[in-house]
Amino acid sequence: MKTEYFGNEFRPFCSERCKLIDLGAWADEQYRIPGEKVSEEKVLEELSEQIEDLKEE
């Protein structure tokens, strides 16, 4: 089935249903971006450091 790209409010998906299925797969971690798993604490620490650096500028 070919999906019309121009004028399709759900693009790049063919329909809202397909969009929600894909979003659900990401939320269930069925799709993953390769790389090391980083703890939430590490992410927050790095963001805090970046914020402090911006304040100093």
C-alpha atoms as a PDB file:
ATOM      1  CA  MET A   1       0.000   0.000   0.000  1.00  0.00           C
ATOM      2  CA  LYS A   2       1.418   3.363  -1.000  1.00  0.00           C
ATOM      3  CA  THR A   3       0.876   6.218   1.437  1.00  0.00           C
ATOM      4  CA  GLU A   4       0.426   9.773   0.247  1.00  0.00           C
ATOM      5  CA  TYR A   5       3.186  11.870   1.799  1.00  0.00           C
ATOM      6  CA  PHE A   6       2.030  15.389   0.963  1.00  0.00           C
ATOM      7  CA  GLY A   7      -1.064  16.445   2.839  1.00  0.00           C
ATOM      8  CA  ASN A   8      -0.848  13.463   5.195  1.00  0.00           C
ATOM      9  CA  GLU A   9      -1.244  14.814   8.729  1.00  0.00           C
ATOM     10  CA  PHE A  10       0.301  11.635  10.166  1.00  0.00           C
ATOM     11  CA  ARG A  11       3.477  11.611   8.092  1.00  0.00           C
ATOM     12  CA  PRO A  12       5.909   9.962   8.165  1.00  0.00           C
ATOM     13  CA  PHE A  13       3.318   7.375   9.217  1.00  0.00           C
ATOM     14  CA  CYS A  14       0.413   6.221   7.084  1.00  0.00           C
ATOM     15  CA  SER A  15      -2.149   6.733   9.840  1.00  0.00           C
ATOM     16  CA  GLU A  16      -2.632   7.695  13.476  1.00  0.00           C
ATOM     17  CA  ARG A  17      -2.837   3.987  14.317  1.00  0.00           C
ATOM     18  CA  CYS A  18       0.632   3.323  12.873  1.00  0.00           C
ATOM     19  CA  LYS A  19       1.995   6.388  14.655  1.00  0.00           C
ATOM     20  CA  LEU A  20       0.661   5.150  18.008  1.00  0.00           C
ATOM     21  CA  ILE A  21       1.963   1.626  17.436  1.00  0.00           C
ATOM     22  CA  ASP A  22       5.445   3.019  16.765  1.00  0.00           C
ATOM     23  CA  LEU A  23       5.315   5.305  19.805  1.00  0.00           C
ATOM     24  CA  GLY A  24       4.254   2.356  21.944  1.00  0.00           C
ATOM     25  CA  ALA A  25       7.182   0.283  20.691  1.00  0.00           C
ATOM     26  CA  TRP A  26       9.616   3.053  21.700  1.00  0.00           C
ATOM     27  CA  ALA A  27       7.913   3.395  25.108  1.00  0.00           C
ATOM     28  CA  ASP A  28       8.207  -0.374  25.656  1.00  0.00           C
ATOM     29  CA  GLU A  29      11.902  -0.150  24.709  1.00  0.00           C
ATOM     30  CA  GLN A  30      11.433  -2.491  21.746  1.00  0.00           C
ATOM     31  CA  TYR A  31      13.582  -0.059  19.777  1.00  0.00           C
ATOM     32  CA  ARG A  32      16.924   1.052  21.148  1.00  0.00           C
ATOM     33  CA  ILE A  33      19.667   3.357  20.038  1.00  0.00           C
ATOM     34  CA  PRO A  34      23.023   1.529  20.296  1.00  0.00           C
ATOM     35  CA  GLY A  35      25.403   2.701  22.970  1.00  0.00           C
ATOM     36  CA  GLU A  36      26.267   2.405  26.611  1.00  0.00           C
ATOM     37  CA  LYS A  37      23.408   2.526  29.061  1.00  0.00           C
ATOM     38  CA  VAL A  38      23.743   5.686  31.146  1.00  0.00           C
ATOM     39  CA  SER A  39      22.207   6.033  34.590  1.00  0.00           C
ATOM     40  CA  GLU A  40      19.687   8.757  35.230  1.00  0.00           C
ATOM     41  CA  GLU A  41      21.965  10.128  37.955  1.00  0.00           C
ATOM     42  CA  LYS A  42      24.825  10.513  35.474  1.00  0.00           C
ATOM     43  CA  VAL A  43      22.594  12.347  33.001  1.00  0.00           C
ATOM     44  CA  LEU A  44      21.367  14.730  35.711  1.00  0.00           C
ATOM     45  CA  GLU A  45      24.941  15.327  36.890  1.00  0.00           C
ATOM     46  CA  GLU A  46      26.096  16.192  33.367  1.00  0.00           C
ATOM     47  CA  LEU A  47      23.128  18.499  32.799  1.00  0.00           C
ATOM     48  CA  SER A  48      23.804  20.283  36.092  1.00  0.00           C
ATOM     49  CA  GLU A  49      27.420  20.817  35.055  1.00  0.00           C
ATOM     50  CA  GLN A  50      26.326  22.223  31.689  1.00  0.00           C
ATOM     51  CA  ILE A  51      23.883  24.602  33.393  1.00  0.00           C
ATOM     52  CA  GLU A  52      26.614  25.834  35.719  1.00  0.00           C
ATOM     53  CA  ASP A  53      28.941  26.381  32.772  1.00  0.00           C
ATOM     54  CA  LEU A  54      26.255  28.438  31.015  1.00  0.00           C
ATOM     55  CA  LYS A  55      25.719  30.564  34.129  1.00  0.00           C
ATOM     56  CA  GLU A  56      29.428  31.382  34.202  1.00  0.00           C
ATOM     57  CA  GLU A  57      29.412  32.687  30.612  1.00  0.00           C
END
